């Protein structure tokens, strides 16, 4: 029997959540067992797992430069991930007692900011998801995500955000369930086909030559070449994801937004640390991205269904928060003399 104040019964969601939790716990224990192996730790400077994660990220970015190895990032993202991995590596190298040039000391302090590791983890997990497939680079990204994700999980468990919170309100339980279900549907949808091609339209110019040959009555030839610049549009296929949702423009930001929604829905202290409008804005922007990619394929419609479930859950939580705060109290009338 359900007591007053408990979350409403949802057997299907409860069963799915329990199975997902069991699978996650099993996978987590297996990964932790490998990462805690003393034979691995003794080969790392200071036994630093973050240093291993930074090395794997750097390798995942640089390996596709080799011939016959695909799965490379676009240049801006490759540069960003290399710089971030270098910052984390410098921080861990210094923490292990190894000397660093004086010019890198500010980098170590920047990498020591509390927000650096969560952002680096989110970017690594995002790039690993976008690069899923067969190949050396894809394997390196998955390994990097496992290592960096494990480091971030340990840091989270040791922080105040993981402390036991007050009993969750039924609305909070419902928010977490539906956001997680919607985000999972969106993730599956991004692996499915979205269109017949995926890439970017890039206008280019090329020098075009037109040759005119004139023959006179004596069978003499006069050749005239006319060179003109002509503009055309080239289609550059996406380097990752093919025709799936992962190959669409803005997919990286969308995956980051979905990760942020999952974190905000599951950690109350994270929601309290940001304005209440953040979740509705994120969900709304991702919904617009989904609407602009609708086609006759299954992928975009499954994604739209998932993000609409998130929209409903976020809207109910936001409206409930606004009604709970209530209108400001009217000012008290001045005391009569």
C-alpha atoms as a PDB file:
ATOM      1  CA  UNK A   1       0.000   0.000   0.000  1.00  0.00           C
ATOM      2  CA  UNK A   2       1.325   3.436  -0.892  1.00  0.00           C
ATOM      3  CA  UNK A   3       1.646   5.996   1.845  1.00  0.00           C
ATOM      4  CA  UNK A   4       0.872   9.666   1.386  1.00  0.00           C
ATOM      5  CA  UNK A   5       3.834  11.561   0.010  1.00  0.00           C
ATOM      6  CA  UNK A   6       5.351   8.529  -1.768  1.00  0.00           C
ATOM      7  CA  UNK A   7       5.949   8.639  -5.484  1.00  0.00           C
ATOM      8  CA  UNK A   8       3.138   7.183  -7.579  1.00  0.00           C
ATOM      9  CA  UNK A   9       3.583   3.531  -8.496  1.00  0.00           C
ATOM     10  CA  UNK A  10       5.045   2.895 -11.946  1.00  0.00           C
ATOM     11  CA  UNK A  11       5.880  -0.838 -12.276  1.00  0.00           C
ATOM     12  CA  UNK A  12       7.242  -0.596 -15.821  1.00  0.00           C
ATOM     13  CA  UNK A  13       9.588   2.272 -15.059  1.00  0.00           C
ATOM     14  CA  UNK A  14      10.604   0.666 -11.763  1.00  0.00           C
ATOM     15  CA  UNK A  15      11.469  -2.613 -13.495  1.00  0.00           C
ATOM     16  CA  UNK A  16      13.445  -0.850 -16.244  1.00  0.00           C
ATOM     17  CA  UNK A  17      15.231   1.321 -13.690  1.00  0.00           C
ATOM     18  CA  UNK A  18      16.193  -1.709 -11.566  1.00  0.00           C
ATOM     19  CA  UNK A  19      17.555  -3.632 -14.556  1.00  0.00           C
ATOM     20  CA  UNK A  20      19.485  -0.603 -15.760  1.00  0.00           C
ATOM     21  CA  UNK A  21      20.875  -0.052 -12.271  1.00  0.00           C
ATOM     22  CA  UNK A  22      21.957  -3.696 -11.992  1.00  0.00           C
ATOM     23  CA  UNK A  23      23.657  -3.599 -15.392  1.00  0.00           C
ATOM     24  CA  UNK A  24      25.396  -0.333 -14.527  1.00  0.00           C
ATOM     25  CA  UNK A  25      26.577  -1.699 -11.171  1.00  0.00           C
ATOM     26  CA  UNK A  26      27.966  -4.855 -12.783  1.00  0.00           C
ATOM     27  CA  UNK A  27      29.789  -2.906 -15.490  1.00  0.00           C
ATOM     28  CA  UNK A  28      31.049  -0.399 -12.938  1.00  0.00           C
ATOM     29  CA  UNK A  29      32.500  -3.093 -10.693  1.00  0.00           C
ATOM     30  CA  UNK A  30      34.268  -4.681 -13.666  1.00  0.00           C
ATOM     31  CA  UNK A  31      35.799  -1.364 -14.734  1.00  0.00           C
ATOM     32  CA  UNK A  32      36.800  -0.473 -11.191  1.00  0.00           C
ATOM     33  CA  UNK A  33      38.463  -3.850 -10.760  1.00  0.00           C
ATOM     34  CA  UNK A  34      40.650  -3.244 -13.802  1.00  0.00           C
ATOM     35  CA  UNK A  35      41.501   0.355 -12.903  1.00  0.00           C
ATOM     36  CA  UNK A  36      42.355  -0.552  -9.291  1.00  0.00           C
ATOM     37  CA  UNK A  37      44.733  -3.319 -10.377  1.00  0.00           C
ATOM     38  CA  UNK A  38      48.116  -2.584  -8.706  1.00  0.00           C
ATOM     39  CA  UNK A  39      49.921  -3.773 -11.843  1.00  0.00           C
ATOM     40  CA  UNK A  40      48.317  -0.919 -13.779  1.00  0.00           C
ATOM     41  CA  UNK A  41      48.766   1.712 -11.086  1.00  0.00           C
ATOM     42  CA  UNK A  42      52.470   1.035 -10.578  1.00  0.00           C
ATOM     43  CA  UNK A  43      53.134   1.832 -14.242  1.00  0.00           C
ATOM     44  CA  UNK A  44      51.576   5.309 -13.961  1.00  0.00           C
ATOM     45  CA  UNK A  45      53.433   8.320 -12.511  1.00  0.00           C
ATOM     46  CA  UNK A  46      52.025   8.680  -9.028  1.00  0.00           C
ATOM     47  CA  UNK A  47      49.459   5.967  -9.835  1.00  0.00           C
ATOM     48  CA  UNK A  48      47.393   8.700 -11.516  1.00  0.00           C
ATOM     49  CA  UNK A  49      44.332   7.495 -13.414  1.00  0.00           C
ATOM     50  CA  UNK A  50      43.579  11.028 -14.698  1.00  0.00           C
ATOM     51  CA  UNK A  51      46.997  10.989 -16.378  1.00  0.00           C
ATOM     52  CA  UNK A  52      46.051   7.725 -18.082  1.00  0.00           C
ATOM     53  CA  UNK A  53      42.759   9.263 -19.212  1.00  0.00           C
ATOM     54  CA  UNK A  54      44.527  12.332 -20.614  1.00  0.00           C
ATOM     55  CA  UNK A  55      46.905  10.073 -22.528  1.00  0.00           C
ATOM     56  CA  UNK A  56      44.058   8.036 -23.999  1.00  0.00           C
ATOM     57  CA  UNK A  57      42.247  11.192 -25.117  1.00  0.00           C
ATOM     58  CA  UNK A  58      45.396  12.506 -26.783  1.00  0.00           C
ATOM     59  CA  UNK A  59      45.920   9.171 -28.527  1.00  0.00           C
ATOM     60  CA  UNK A  60      42.293   9.077 -29.711  1.00  0.00           C
ATOM     61  CA  UNK A  61      42.712  12.538 -31.248  1.00  0.00           C
ATOM     62  CA  UNK A  62      46.102  11.899 -32.875  1.00  0.00           C
ATOM     63  CA  UNK A  63      45.762   8.297 -34.103  1.00  0.00           C
ATOM     64  CA  UNK A  64      43.350   9.172 -36.976  1.00  0.00           C
ATOM     65  CA  UNK A  65      46.117  11.338 -38.454  1.00  0.00           C
ATOM     66  CA  UNK A  66      47.839   8.106 -39.490  1.00  0.00           C
ATOM     67  CA  UNK A  67      47.036   6.686 -42.948  1.00  0.00           C
ATOM     68  CA  UNK A  68      44.140   4.257 -43.210  1.00  0.00           C
ATOM     69  CA  UNK A  69      42.828   5.196 -39.752  1.00  0.00           C
ATOM     70  CA  UNK A  70      39.453   6.958 -39.713  1.00  0.00           C
ATOM     71  CA  UNK A  71      37.290   8.502 -37.049  1.00  0.00           C
ATOM     72  CA  UNK A  72      39.067  11.828 -36.611  1.00  0.00           C
ATOM     73  CA  UNK A  73      37.509  14.906 -35.032  1.00  0.00           C
ATOM     74  CA  UNK A  74      36.926  18.194 -36.745  1.00  0.00           C
ATOM     75  CA  UNK A  75      39.878  20.522 -36.295  1.00  0.00           C
ATOM     76  CA  UNK A  76      38.318  22.843 -33.645  1.00  0.00           C
ATOM     77  CA  UNK A  77      37.197  19.933 -31.450  1.00  0.00           C
ATOM     78  CA  UNK A  78      40.512  18.117 -31.938  1.00  0.00           C
ATOM     79  CA  UNK A  79      42.423  21.205 -30.809  1.00  0.00           C
ATOM     80  CA  UNK A  80      40.118  21.705 -27.808  1.00  0.00           C
ATOM     81  CA  UNK A  81      40.439  18.096 -26.637  1.00  0.00           C
ATOM     82  CA  UNK A  82      44.216  18.126 -27.048  1.00  0.00           C
ATOM     83  CA  UNK A  83      44.550  21.328 -25.037  1.00  0.00           C
ATOM     84  CA  UNK A  84      42.233  20.033 -22.293  1.00  0.00           C
ATOM     85  CA  UNK A  85      44.062  16.690 -22.139  1.00  0.00           C
ATOM     86  CA  UNK A  86      47.381  18.527 -21.925  1.00  0.00           C
ATOM     87  CA  UNK A  87      46.085  20.664 -19.038  1.00  0.00           C
ATOM     88  CA  UNK A  88      44.915  17.596 -17.122  1.00  0.00           C
ATOM     89  CA  UNK A  89      48.170  15.796 -17.836  1.00  0.00           C
ATOM     90  CA  UNK A  90      50.208  18.769 -16.591  1.00  0.00           C
ATOM     91  CA  UNK A  91      48.153  18.895 -13.401  1.00  0.00           C
ATOM     92  CA  UNK A  92      48.649  15.217 -12.657  1.00  0.00           C
ATOM     93  CA  UNK A  93      52.320  15.294 -13.638  1.00  0.00           C
ATOM     94  CA  UNK A  94      52.880  18.103 -11.154  1.00  0.00           C
ATOM     95  CA  UNK A  95      50.829  16.298  -8.478  1.00  0.00           C
ATOM     96  CA  UNK A  96      53.090  13.257  -8.904  1.00  0.00           C
ATOM     97  CA  UNK A  97      56.075  15.402  -7.900  1.00  0.00           C
ATOM     98  CA  UNK A  98      57.525  15.713 -11.395  1.00  0.00           C
ATOM     99  CA  UNK A  99      59.032  19.105 -12.353  1.00  0.00           C
ATOM    100  CA  UNK A 100      57.276  21.314 -14.877  1.00  0.00           C
ATOM    101  CA  UNK A 101      58.451  24.482 -16.659  1.00  0.00           C
ATOM    102  CA  UNK A 102      57.424  27.709 -14.965  1.00  0.00           C
ATOM    103  CA  UNK A 103      55.344  28.624 -18.021  1.00  0.00           C
ATOM    104  CA  UNK A 104      53.009  25.687 -17.312  1.00  0.00           C
ATOM    105  CA  UNK A 105      52.323  26.526 -13.681  1.00  0.00           C
ATOM    106  CA  UNK A 106      49.277  28.713 -14.529  1.00  0.00           C
ATOM    107  CA  UNK A 107      47.931  25.793 -16.596  1.00  0.00           C
ATOM    108  CA  UNK A 108      48.114  23.565 -13.524  1.00  0.00           C
ATOM    109  CA  UNK A 109      46.091  26.057 -11.484  1.00  0.00           C
ATOM    110  CA  UNK A 110      43.460  26.371 -14.231  1.00  0.00           C
ATOM    111  CA  UNK A 111      43.138  22.575 -14.435  1.00  0.00           C
ATOM    112  CA  UNK A 112      42.702  22.501 -10.660  1.00  0.00           C
ATOM    113  CA  UNK A 113      39.432  24.450 -10.868  1.00  0.00           C
ATOM    114  CA  UNK A 114      36.492  22.353  -9.536  1.00  0.00           C
ATOM    115  CA  UNK A 115      34.598  22.723 -12.823  1.00  0.00           C
ATOM    116  CA  UNK A 116      37.460  21.533 -15.049  1.00  0.00           C
ATOM    117  CA  UNK A 117      37.230  17.780 -14.469  1.00  0.00           C
ATOM    118  CA  UNK A 118      33.409  17.595 -14.905  1.00  0.00           C
ATOM    119  CA  UNK A 119      33.624  19.562 -18.155  1.00  0.00           C
ATOM    120  CA  UNK A 120      36.503  17.430 -19.436  1.00  0.00           C
ATOM    121  CA  UNK A 121      34.569  14.277 -18.530  1.00  0.00           C
ATOM    122  CA  UNK A 122      31.435  15.515 -20.320  1.00  0.00           C
ATOM    123  CA  UNK A 123      33.431  16.347 -23.462  1.00  0.00           C
ATOM    124  CA  UNK A 124      35.205  12.975 -23.408  1.00  0.00           C
ATOM    125  CA  UNK A 125      31.985  10.998 -22.967  1.00  0.00           C
ATOM    126  CA  UNK A 126      30.352  13.058 -25.730  1.00  0.00           C
ATOM    127  CA  UNK A 127      33.166  12.445 -28.195  1.00  0.00           C
ATOM    128  CA  UNK A 128      33.165   8.735 -27.299  1.00  0.00           C
ATOM    129  CA  UNK A 129      29.441   8.491 -28.031  1.00  0.00           C
ATOM    130  CA  UNK A 130      29.751  10.388 -31.310  1.00  0.00           C
ATOM    131  CA  UNK A 131      32.672   8.168 -32.370  1.00  0.00           C
ATOM    132  CA  UNK A 132      31.025   4.812 -31.560  1.00  0.00           C
ATOM    133  CA  UNK A 133      31.872   2.269 -34.195  1.00  0.00           C
ATOM    134  CA  UNK A 134      34.535  -0.155 -35.334  1.00  0.00           C
ATOM    135  CA  UNK A 135      38.083   1.106 -35.404  1.00  0.00           C
ATOM    136  CA  UNK A 136      41.111   2.000 -33.342  1.00  0.00           C
ATOM    137  CA  UNK A 137      40.025   5.594 -32.670  1.00  0.00           C
ATOM    138  CA  UNK A 138      36.559   4.514 -31.518  1.00  0.00           C
ATOM    139  CA  UNK A 139      38.093   1.974 -29.106  1.00  0.00           C
ATOM    140  CA  UNK A 140      40.456   4.599 -27.693  1.00  0.00           C
ATOM    141  CA  UNK A 141      37.573   7.008 -27.122  1.00  0.00           C
ATOM    142  CA  UNK A 142      35.581   4.347 -25.259  1.00  0.00           C
ATOM    143  CA  UNK A 143      38.577   3.498 -23.069  1.00  0.00           C
ATOM    144  CA  UNK A 144      39.197   7.188 -22.391  1.00  0.00           C
ATOM    145  CA  UNK A 145      35.552   7.704 -21.433  1.00  0.00           C
ATOM    146  CA  UNK A 146      35.676   4.751 -19.034  1.00  0.00           C
ATOM    147  CA  UNK A 147      38.832   5.977 -17.307  1.00  0.00           C
ATOM    148  CA  UNK A 148      37.859   9.654 -17.104  1.00  0.00           C
ATOM    149  CA  UNK A 149      34.292   8.766 -16.124  1.00  0.00           C
ATOM    150  CA  UNK A 150      35.576   6.543 -13.315  1.00  0.00           C
ATOM    151  CA  UNK A 151      37.793   9.375 -12.057  1.00  0.00           C
ATOM    152  CA  UNK A 152      34.890  11.817 -12.116  1.00  0.00           C
ATOM    153  CA  UNK A 153      32.614   9.339 -10.324  1.00  0.00           C
ATOM    154  CA  UNK A 154      35.142   8.950  -7.523  1.00  0.00           C
ATOM    155  CA  UNK A 155      35.492  12.712  -7.260  1.00  0.00           C
ATOM    156  CA  UNK A 156      31.705  13.049  -7.114  1.00  0.00           C
ATOM    157  CA  UNK A 157      31.361  10.417  -4.381  1.00  0.00           C
ATOM    158  CA  UNK A 158      33.958  12.267  -2.304  1.00  0.00           C
ATOM    159  CA  UNK A 159      32.246  15.669  -2.720  1.00  0.00           C
ATOM    160  CA  UNK A 160      29.413  17.237  -0.763  1.00  0.00           C
ATOM    161  CA  UNK A 161      27.073  16.759  -3.730  1.00  0.00           C
ATOM    162  CA  UNK A 162      26.994  12.993  -3.024  1.00  0.00           C
ATOM    163  CA  UNK A 163      26.016  13.350   0.620  1.00  0.00           C
ATOM    164  CA  UNK A 164      22.713  11.850   1.675  1.00  0.00           C
ATOM    165  CA  UNK A 165      19.985  14.321   0.824  1.00  0.00           C
ATOM    166  CA  UNK A 166      16.594  14.841   2.359  1.00  0.00           C
ATOM    167  CA  UNK A 167      13.854  12.422   1.198  1.00  0.00           C
ATOM    168  CA  UNK A 168      12.988  13.108  -2.409  1.00  0.00           C
ATOM    169  CA  UNK A 169       9.655  14.649  -3.245  1.00  0.00           C
ATOM    170  CA  UNK A 170       7.411  12.568  -5.539  1.00  0.00           C
ATOM    171  CA  UNK A 171       7.902  15.225  -8.220  1.00  0.00           C
ATOM    172  CA  UNK A 172      11.686  14.793  -8.006  1.00  0.00           C
ATOM    173  CA  UNK A 173      11.421  11.015  -8.397  1.00  0.00           C
ATOM    174  CA  UNK A 174       9.129  11.458 -11.387  1.00  0.00           C
ATOM    175  CA  UNK A 175      11.474  14.030 -12.919  1.00  0.00           C
ATOM    176  CA  UNK A 176      14.469  11.696 -12.693  1.00  0.00           C
ATOM    177  CA  UNK A 177      12.580   8.711 -14.129  1.00  0.00           C
ATOM    178  CA  UNK A 178      11.146  10.504 -17.122  1.00  0.00           C
ATOM    179  CA  UNK A 179      14.253  12.524 -17.931  1.00  0.00           C
ATOM    180  CA  UNK A 180      16.406   9.397 -17.849  1.00  0.00           C
ATOM    181  CA  UNK A 181      13.907   7.513 -20.024  1.00  0.00           C
ATOM    182  CA  UNK A 182      13.726  10.406 -22.495  1.00  0.00           C
ATOM    183  CA  UNK A 183      17.500  10.855 -22.651  1.00  0.00           C
ATOM    184  CA  UNK A 184      17.969   7.111 -23.223  1.00  0.00           C
ATOM    185  CA  UNK A 185      15.476   7.219 -26.107  1.00  0.00           C
ATOM    186  CA  UNK A 186      17.294  10.214 -27.591  1.00  0.00           C
ATOM    187  CA  UNK A 187      20.648   8.411 -27.354  1.00  0.00           C
ATOM    188  CA  UNK A 188      19.296   5.341 -29.150  1.00  0.00           C
ATOM    189  CA  UNK A 189      17.653   7.561 -31.769  1.00  0.00           C
ATOM    190  CA  UNK A 190      20.928   9.311 -32.572  1.00  0.00           C
ATOM    191  CA  UNK A 191      22.431   5.947 -33.533  1.00  0.00           C
ATOM    192  CA  UNK A 192      19.670   5.324 -36.096  1.00  0.00           C
ATOM    193  CA  UNK A 193      19.472   6.705 -39.661  1.00  0.00           C
ATOM    194  CA  UNK A 194      18.108  10.243 -39.958  1.00  0.00           C
ATOM    195  CA  UNK A 195      18.513  11.061 -43.650  1.00  0.00           C
ATOM    196  CA  UNK A 196      20.020   9.845 -46.881  1.00  0.00           C
ATOM    197  CA  UNK A 197      23.213  11.824 -46.354  1.00  0.00           C
ATOM    198  CA  UNK A 198      24.896  13.721 -43.600  1.00  0.00           C
ATOM    199  CA  UNK A 199      27.397  16.496 -43.941  1.00  0.00           C
ATOM    200  CA  UNK A 200      27.790  20.162 -44.670  1.00  0.00           C
ATOM    201  CA  UNK A 201      27.194  22.270 -47.749  1.00  0.00           C
ATOM    202  CA  UNK A 202      30.290  24.348 -48.453  1.00  0.00           C
ATOM    203  CA  UNK A 203      30.315  26.936 -51.282  1.00  0.00           C
ATOM    204  CA  UNK A 204      33.556  26.818 -53.268  1.00  0.00           C
ATOM    205  CA  UNK A 205      34.987  28.451 -56.369  1.00  0.00           C
ATOM    206  CA  UNK A 206      36.967  26.851 -59.169  1.00  0.00           C
ATOM    207  CA  UNK A 207      38.594  28.145 -62.352  1.00  0.00           C
ATOM    208  CA  UNK A 208      36.668  26.874 -65.372  1.00  0.00           C
ATOM    209  CA  UNK A 209      38.166  26.903 -68.885  1.00  0.00           C
ATOM    210  CA  UNK A 210      36.013  27.170 -72.001  1.00  0.00           C
ATOM    211  CA  UNK A 211      37.795  26.472 -75.319  1.00  0.00           C
ATOM    212  CA  UNK A 212      36.415  27.712 -78.647  1.00  0.00           C
ATOM    213  CA  UNK A 213      37.783  26.235 -81.911  1.00  0.00           C
ATOM    214  CA  UNK A 214      37.057  28.104 -85.166  1.00  0.00           C
ATOM    215  CA  UNK A 215      37.752  26.485 -88.585  1.00  0.00           C
ATOM    216  CA  UNK A 216      38.008  28.749 -91.653  1.00  0.00           C
ATOM    217  CA  UNK A 217      37.416  27.903 -95.322  1.00  0.00           C
ATOM    218  CA  UNK A 218      41.000  26.715 -95.765  1.00  0.00           C
ATOM    219  CA  UNK A 219      40.590  24.332 -92.843  1.00  0.00           C
ATOM    220  CA  UNK A 220      42.720  26.483 -90.625  1.00  0.00           C
ATOM    221  CA  UNK A 221      42.033  26.348 -86.889  1.00  0.00           C
ATOM    222  CA  UNK A 222      41.844  29.180 -84.410  1.00  0.00           C
ATOM    223  CA  UNK A 223      41.763  28.190 -80.751  1.00  0.00           C
ATOM    224  CA  UNK A 224      40.572  30.607 -78.084  1.00  0.00           C
ATOM    225  CA  UNK A 225      40.580  29.769 -74.356  1.00  0.00           C
ATOM    226  CA  UNK A 226      38.341  31.698 -71.979  1.00  0.00           C
ATOM    227  CA  UNK A 227      38.950  31.266 -68.228  1.00  0.00           C
ATOM    228  CA  UNK A 228      36.155  32.081 -65.795  1.00  0.00           C
ATOM    229  CA  UNK A 229      35.592  31.573 -62.069  1.00  0.00           C
ATOM    230  CA  UNK A 230      32.531  29.452 -61.340  1.00  0.00           C
ATOM    231  CA  UNK A 231      30.944  28.869 -57.962  1.00  0.00           C
ATOM    232  CA  UNK A 232      29.483  25.569 -56.853  1.00  0.00           C
ATOM    233  CA  UNK A 233      28.509  23.810 -53.637  1.00  0.00           C
ATOM    234  CA  UNK A 234      30.362  20.782 -52.386  1.00  0.00           C
ATOM    235  CA  UNK A 235      28.932  18.257 -49.955  1.00  0.00           C
ATOM    236  CA  UNK A 236      31.465  17.133 -47.378  1.00  0.00           C
ATOM    237  CA  UNK A 237      30.213  13.986 -45.626  1.00  0.00           C
ATOM    238  CA  UNK A 238      30.382  13.899 -41.869  1.00  0.00           C
ATOM    239  CA  UNK A 239      33.458  12.159 -40.522  1.00  0.00           C
ATOM    240  CA  UNK A 240      31.419  10.483 -37.771  1.00  0.00           C
ATOM    241  CA  UNK A 241      27.935   9.090 -37.510  1.00  0.00           C
ATOM    242  CA  UNK A 242      27.300   8.827 -41.239  1.00  0.00           C
ATOM    243  CA  UNK A 243      23.651   9.519 -41.942  1.00  0.00           C
ATOM    244  CA  UNK A 244      22.653   9.042 -38.300  1.00  0.00           C
ATOM    245  CA  UNK A 245      21.746  11.795 -35.870  1.00  0.00           C
ATOM    246  CA  UNK A 246      25.371  11.915 -34.726  1.00  0.00           C
ATOM    247  CA  UNK A 247      26.336  13.331 -38.111  1.00  0.00           C
ATOM    248  CA  UNK A 248      23.983  16.315 -37.929  1.00  0.00           C
ATOM    249  CA  UNK A 249      25.277  19.808 -37.395  1.00  0.00           C
ATOM    250  CA  UNK A 250      25.188  20.639 -33.678  1.00  0.00           C
ATOM    251  CA  UNK A 251      25.142  16.999 -32.516  1.00  0.00           C
ATOM    252  CA  UNK A 252      28.009  17.622 -30.089  1.00  0.00           C
ATOM    253  CA  UNK A 253      26.125  20.395 -28.304  1.00  0.00           C
ATOM    254  CA  UNK A 254      22.968  18.274 -28.209  1.00  0.00           C
ATOM    255  CA  UNK A 255      24.749  15.345 -26.540  1.00  0.00           C
ATOM    256  CA  UNK A 256      26.298  17.723 -24.008  1.00  0.00           C
ATOM    257  CA  UNK A 257      22.837  19.151 -23.336  1.00  0.00           C
ATOM    258  CA  UNK A 258      21.362  15.690 -22.803  1.00  0.00           C
ATOM    259  CA  UNK A 259      24.143  14.859 -20.344  1.00  0.00           C
ATOM    260  CA  UNK A 260      23.468  18.099 -18.476  1.00  0.00           C
ATOM    261  CA  UNK A 261      19.752  17.313 -18.273  1.00  0.00           C
ATOM    262  CA  UNK A 262      20.511  13.870 -16.855  1.00  0.00           C
ATOM    263  CA  UNK A 263      22.814  15.305 -14.192  1.00  0.00           C
ATOM    264  CA  UNK A 264      20.411  18.080 -13.218  1.00  0.00           C
ATOM    265  CA  UNK A 265      17.506  15.650 -12.982  1.00  0.00           C
ATOM    266  CA  UNK A 266      19.377  13.243 -10.708  1.00  0.00           C
ATOM    267  CA  UNK A 267      21.337  15.575  -8.391  1.00  0.00           C
ATOM    268  CA  UNK A 268      19.272  18.058  -6.380  1.00  0.00           C
ATOM    269  CA  UNK A 269      22.291  20.112  -5.368  1.00  0.00           C
ATOM    270  CA  UNK A 270      23.217  20.547  -9.045  1.00  0.00           C
ATOM    271  CA  UNK A 271      19.736  21.931  -9.765  1.00  0.00           C
ATOM    272  CA  UNK A 272      20.003  24.264  -6.812  1.00  0.00           C
ATOM    273  CA  UNK A 273      23.356  25.582  -8.080  1.00  0.00           C
ATOM    274  CA  UNK A 274      21.938  26.858 -11.387  1.00  0.00           C
ATOM    275  CA  UNK A 275      18.950  29.071 -12.221  1.00  0.00           C
ATOM    276  CA  UNK A 276      15.672  27.171 -12.478  1.00  0.00           C
ATOM    277  CA  UNK A 277      15.273  28.289 -16.096  1.00  0.00           C
ATOM    278  CA  UNK A 278      18.354  26.304 -17.225  1.00  0.00           C
ATOM    279  CA  UNK A 279      16.577  22.954 -17.634  1.00  0.00           C
ATOM    280  CA  UNK A 280      13.599  24.347 -19.613  1.00  0.00           C
ATOM    281  CA  UNK A 281      15.932  26.301 -21.897  1.00  0.00           C
ATOM    282  CA  UNK A 282      18.148  23.267 -22.559  1.00  0.00           C
ATOM    283  CA  UNK A 283      15.159  21.027 -23.274  1.00  0.00           C
ATOM    284  CA  UNK A 284      13.612  23.668 -25.536  1.00  0.00           C
ATOM    285  CA  UNK A 285      16.771  24.146 -27.612  1.00  0.00           C
ATOM    286  CA  UNK A 286      17.184  20.401 -28.091  1.00  0.00           C
ATOM    287  CA  UNK A 287      13.515  20.150 -29.119  1.00  0.00           C
ATOM    288  CA  UNK A 288      14.052  22.806 -31.789  1.00  0.00           C
ATOM    289  CA  UNK A 289      17.089  20.874 -33.049  1.00  0.00           C
ATOM    290  CA  UNK A 290      14.953  17.740 -33.276  1.00  0.00           C
ATOM    291  CA  UNK A 291      12.153  19.501 -35.152  1.00  0.00           C
ATOM    292  CA  UNK A 292      14.556  20.865 -37.763  1.00  0.00           C
ATOM    293  CA  UNK A 293      15.782  17.349 -38.555  1.00  0.00           C
ATOM    294  CA  UNK A 294      12.478  15.525 -39.076  1.00  0.00           C
ATOM    295  CA  UNK A 295      12.372  13.138 -42.028  1.00  0.00           C
ATOM    296  CA  UNK A 296      10.746   9.876 -43.053  1.00  0.00           C
ATOM    297  CA  UNK A 297      13.306   7.874 -41.042  1.00  0.00           C
ATOM    298  CA  UNK A 298      12.709   6.330 -37.611  1.00  0.00           C
ATOM    299  CA  UNK A 299      15.602   8.109 -35.870  1.00  0.00           C
ATOM    300  CA  UNK A 300      14.279  11.697 -35.734  1.00  0.00           C
ATOM    301  CA  UNK A 301      10.786  10.602 -34.637  1.00  0.00           C
ATOM    302  CA  UNK A 302      12.137   8.458 -31.790  1.00  0.00           C
ATOM    303  CA  UNK A 303      14.363  11.352 -30.747  1.00  0.00           C
ATOM    304  CA  UNK A 304      11.397  13.733 -30.818  1.00  0.00           C
ATOM    305  CA  UNK A 305       9.362  11.340 -28.674  1.00  0.00           C
ATOM    306  CA  UNK A 306      12.184  11.132 -26.137  1.00  0.00           C
ATOM    307  CA  UNK A 307      12.796  14.868 -25.901  1.00  0.00           C
ATOM    308  CA  UNK A 308       9.056  15.555 -25.605  1.00  0.00           C
ATOM    309  CA  UNK A 309       8.970  13.251 -22.576  1.00  0.00           C
ATOM    310  CA  UNK A 310      11.823  15.315 -21.123  1.00  0.00           C
ATOM    311  CA  UNK A 311       9.958  18.535 -21.969  1.00  0.00           C
ATOM    312  CA  UNK A 312       6.849  17.409 -20.098  1.00  0.00           C
ATOM    313  CA  UNK A 313       8.799  16.316 -17.013  1.00  0.00           C
ATOM    314  CA  UNK A 314      10.886  19.495 -16.941  1.00  0.00           C
ATOM    315  CA  UNK A 315       7.843  21.723 -17.466  1.00  0.00           C
ATOM    316  CA  UNK A 316       5.942  20.051 -14.612  1.00  0.00           C
ATOM    317  CA  UNK A 317       8.902  20.434 -12.280  1.00  0.00           C
ATOM    318  CA  UNK A 318       9.431  24.068 -13.275  1.00  0.00           C
ATOM    319  CA  UNK A 319       5.767  24.979 -12.888  1.00  0.00           C
ATOM    320  CA  UNK A 320       5.649  23.154  -9.541  1.00  0.00           C
ATOM    321  CA  UNK A 321       8.706  25.093  -8.370  1.00  0.00           C
ATOM    322  CA  UNK A 322       7.127  28.381  -9.378  1.00  0.00           C
ATOM    323  CA  UNK A 323       3.841  27.592  -7.652  1.00  0.00           C
ATOM    324  CA  UNK A 324       5.683  26.459  -4.517  1.00  0.00           C
ATOM    325  CA  UNK A 325       7.619  29.713  -4.328  1.00  0.00           C
ATOM    326  CA  UNK A 326       4.329  31.642  -4.662  1.00  0.00           C
ATOM    327  CA  UNK A 327       3.857  35.327  -5.352  1.00  0.00           C
ATOM    328  CA  UNK A 328       5.763  37.807  -3.208  1.00  0.00           C
ATOM    329  CA  UNK A 329       4.019  38.831  -0.009  1.00  0.00           C
ATOM    330  CA  UNK A 330       2.405  42.285  -0.137  1.00  0.00           C
ATOM    331  CA  UNK A 331       4.115  44.981   1.910  1.00  0.00           C
ATOM    332  CA  UNK A 332       2.775  45.513   5.378  1.00  0.00           C
ATOM    333  CA  UNK A 333       0.759  48.719   5.872  1.00  0.00           C
ATOM    334  CA  UNK A 334       2.475  51.402   7.925  1.00  0.00           C
ATOM    335  CA  UNK A 335       1.638  51.333  11.604  1.00  0.00           C
ATOM    336  CA  UNK A 336      -0.929  53.953  12.648  1.00  0.00           C
ATOM    337  CA  UNK A 337       0.149  56.551  15.127  1.00  0.00           C
END
